[in-house]
Amino acid sequence: MPNYRRAFAPGASWFFTVNLLQRRRNDLLLRHV
């Protein structure tokens, strides 16, 4: 189980980072327009 969690954590953190960046980019686009 620990190995599975360790392998899943990087993917989850990467997905969270990408989602956060996309949300911030959308907010900037809406403000600019």
C-alpha atoms as a PDB file:
ATOM      1  CA  MET A   1       0.000   0.000   0.000  1.00  0.00           C
ATOM      2  CA  PRO A   2       2.703   2.592   0.840  1.00  0.00           C
ATOM      3  CA  ASN A   3       4.297   2.009  -2.576  1.00  0.00           C
ATOM      4  CA  TYR A   4       0.974   2.650  -4.306  1.00  0.00           C
ATOM      5  CA  ARG A   5       0.405   5.819  -2.316  1.00  0.00           C
ATOM      6  CA  ARG A   6       3.924   7.019  -3.037  1.00  0.00           C
ATOM      7  CA  ALA A   7       3.430   6.408  -6.761  1.00  0.00           C
ATOM      8  CA  PHE A   8       0.057   8.159  -6.761  1.00  0.00           C
ATOM      9  CA  ALA A   9       1.152  11.258  -4.812  1.00  0.00           C
ATOM     10  CA  PRO A  10       3.339  12.826  -7.560  1.00  0.00           C
ATOM     11  CA  GLY A  11       0.572  12.455 -10.135  1.00  0.00           C
ATOM     12  CA  ALA A  12      -1.973  13.983  -7.783  1.00  0.00           C
ATOM     13  CA  SER A  13       0.292  16.917  -6.943  1.00  0.00           C
ATOM     14  CA  TRP A  14       1.023  17.462 -10.660  1.00  0.00           C
ATOM     15  CA  PHE A  15      -2.686  17.402 -11.497  1.00  0.00           C
ATOM     16  CA  PHE A  16      -3.407  19.832  -8.656  1.00  0.00           C
ATOM     17  CA  THR A  17      -0.688  22.210  -9.882  1.00  0.00           C
ATOM     18  CA  VAL A  18      -1.939  22.157 -13.473  1.00  0.00           C
ATOM     19  CA  ASN A  19      -5.517  22.706 -12.332  1.00  0.00           C
ATOM     20  CA  LEU A  20      -4.421  25.641 -10.161  1.00  0.00           C
ATOM     21  CA  LEU A  21      -2.466  27.223 -13.035  1.00  0.00           C
ATOM     22  CA  GLN A  22      -5.374  26.843 -15.454  1.00  0.00           C
ATOM     23  CA  ARG A  23      -7.763  28.411 -12.948  1.00  0.00           C
ATOM     24  CA  ARG A  24      -5.400  31.335 -12.385  1.00  0.00           C
ATOM     25  CA  ARG A  25      -4.915  31.788 -16.142  1.00  0.00           C
ATOM     26  CA  ASN A  26      -8.681  31.822 -16.718  1.00  0.00           C
ATOM     27  CA  ASP A  27      -9.064  34.431 -13.970  1.00  0.00           C
ATOM     28  CA  LEU A  28      -6.392  36.613 -15.580  1.00  0.00           C
ATOM     29  CA  LEU A  29      -8.048  36.293 -18.995  1.00  0.00           C
ATOM     30  CA  LEU A  30     -11.423  37.286 -17.567  1.00  0.00           C
ATOM     31  CA  ARG A  31      -9.901  40.300 -15.827  1.00  0.00           C
ATOM     32  CA  HIS A  32      -8.025  41.375 -18.963  1.00  0.00           C
ATOM     33  CA  VAL A  33     -11.166  41.202 -21.079  1.00  0.00           C
END
